Amino acid sequence: MSQFDADALERAAKAARELEKSRNVSAIMEMSKREQSVKKAEEERKKAEAEKERAAYQNQQERIRWEEQRKTMKQKQQEQMVRAECCVCQKPHLRGCSAACAACCAPA
């Protein structure tokens, strides 16, 4: 009769468990790497989105500044035009402004 070797069976079962563990570990490691890649990609996306929003905000602030400057210049031009006209008859000043239109706008 052949004799059954229990030790060999135990060694084979142990080797099978180790092999299964190593398969699980490699799968777990692979899954962990994928999760890290996904997290990194999400962080980079958020960072890029924040940078885009910051740039848009700066552009908006620059547009507002230029628009305010344009309005200020337009207002100054209008004020200069008003100062250049007589306060009574709205004709260009020939001399300094006075209360009576005839006095300031009449040719000398």
Protein backbone atom coordinates (compact mmCIF):
# COMPACT_ATOMS: atom_id res chain seq x y z
CA MET A 1 0.00 0.00 0.00
CA SER A 2 1.04 3.57 -0.59
CA GLN A 3 1.40 5.65 2.40
CA PHE A 4 -0.38 9.02 2.54
CA ASP A 5 1.96 11.95 3.31
CA ALA A 6 0.01 14.44 5.44
CA ASP A 7 2.97 16.80 5.64
CA ALA A 8 3.08 17.15 1.85
CA LEU A 9 -0.65 17.90 1.79
CA GLU A 10 -0.20 20.56 4.48
CA ARG A 11 2.70 22.12 2.56
CA ALA A 12 0.59 22.19 -0.61
CA ALA A 13 -2.34 23.80 1.24
CA LYS A 14 -0.01 26.37 2.81
CA ALA A 15 1.52 27.16 -0.56
CA ALA A 16 -1.98 27.56 -2.06
CA ARG A 17 -2.94 29.97 0.75
CA GLU A 18 0.26 31.98 0.23
CA LEU A 19 -0.38 32.12 -3.49
CA GLU A 20 -3.94 33.32 -2.89
CA LYS A 21 -2.69 35.93 -0.44
CA SER A 22 -0.13 37.19 -2.91
CA ARG A 23 -2.84 37.49 -5.58
CA ASN A 24 -5.03 39.46 -3.20
CA VAL A 25 -2.16 41.69 -2.14
CA SER A 26 -1.24 42.52 -5.71
CA ALA A 27 -4.90 43.24 -6.52
CA ILE A 28 -5.19 45.42 -3.43
CA MET A 29 -1.98 47.26 -4.32
CA GLU A 30 -3.23 47.81 -7.88
CA MET A 31 -6.55 49.11 -6.58
CA SER A 32 -4.73 51.42 -4.16
CA LYS A 33 -2.58 52.79 -6.99
CA ARG A 34 -5.68 53.49 -9.07
CA GLU A 35 -7.35 55.27 -6.15
CA GLN A 36 -4.26 57.43 -5.66
CA SER A 37 -4.21 58.26 -9.36
CA VAL A 38 -7.87 59.24 -9.26
CA LYS A 39 -7.32 61.42 -6.17
CA LYS A 40 -4.30 63.10 -7.74
CA ALA A 41 -6.20 63.77 -10.97
CA GLU A 42 -9.11 65.24 -8.97
CA GLU A 43 -6.75 67.49 -7.00
CA GLU A 44 -5.11 68.68 -10.22
CA ARG A 45 -8.52 69.35 -11.75
CA LYS A 46 -9.58 71.36 -8.71
CA LYS A 47 -6.30 73.28 -8.75
CA ALA A 48 -6.71 74.08 -12.46
CA GLU A 49 -10.32 75.17 -11.89
CA ALA A 50 -9.28 77.44 -9.01
CA GLU A 51 -6.55 78.98 -11.17
CA LYS A 52 -9.04 79.54 -13.98
CA GLU A 53 -11.47 81.24 -11.58
CA ARG A 54 -8.66 83.40 -10.17
CA ALA A 55 -7.63 84.49 -13.65
CA ALA A 56 -11.25 85.27 -14.57
CA TYR A 57 -11.64 87.33 -11.38
CA GLN A 58 -8.46 89.27 -12.15
CA ASN A 59 -9.66 89.92 -15.72
CA GLN A 60 -12.99 91.14 -14.41
CA GLN A 61 -11.28 93.47 -11.93
CA GLU A 62 -9.07 94.83 -14.71
CA ARG A 63 -12.11 95.46 -16.93
CA ILE A 64 -13.87 97.24 -14.08
CA ARG A 65 -10.79 99.39 -13.42
CA TRP A 66 -10.50 100.35 -17.10
CA GLU A 67 -14.24 101.07 -17.34
CA GLU A 68 -14.07 103.31 -14.26
CA GLN A 69 -11.06 105.10 -15.73
CA ARG A 70 -12.90 105.59 -19.02
CA LYS A 71 -15.97 106.97 -17.23
CA THR A 72 -13.80 109.33 -15.19
CA MET A 73 -12.07 110.63 -18.31
CA LYS A 74 -15.41 111.10 -20.08
CA GLN A 75 -16.80 112.98 -17.10
CA LYS A 76 -13.72 115.24 -16.96
CA GLN A 77 -14.10 116.00 -20.67
CA GLN A 78 -17.76 116.89 -20.17
CA GLU A 79 -16.88 119.12 -17.24
CA GLN A 80 -14.24 120.88 -19.32
CA MET A 81 -16.75 121.44 -22.11
CA VAL A 82 -19.26 122.88 -19.65
CA ARG A 83 -16.64 125.20 -18.19
CA ALA A 84 -15.79 126.37 -21.69
CA GLU A 85 -19.40 127.46 -22.29
CA CYS A 86 -21.14 130.51 -20.91
CA CYS A 87 -23.27 129.72 -17.91
CA VAL A 88 -26.20 131.73 -19.35
CA CYS A 89 -26.32 131.36 -23.14
CA GLN A 90 -24.28 128.15 -23.53
CA LYS A 91 -22.04 129.83 -26.14
CA PRO A 92 -18.28 129.53 -25.93
CA HIS A 93 -16.68 132.03 -23.56
CA LEU A 94 -14.99 135.00 -25.12
CA ARG A 95 -14.08 136.42 -21.74
CA GLY A 96 -14.51 135.34 -18.15
CA CYS A 97 -17.98 134.19 -17.04
CA SER A 98 -20.25 136.76 -15.47
CA ALA A 99 -23.86 136.88 -14.39
CA ALA A 100 -25.05 138.67 -17.51
CA CYS A 101 -24.71 136.90 -20.85
CA ALA A 102 -24.34 140.13 -22.76
CA ALA A 103 -21.37 141.12 -20.65
CA CYS A 104 -19.40 137.89 -21.14
CA CYS A 105 -20.38 136.89 -24.66
CA ALA A 106 -20.70 140.20 -26.48
CA PRO A 107 -17.77 140.90 -28.74
CA ALA A 108 -15.61 143.75 -27.60
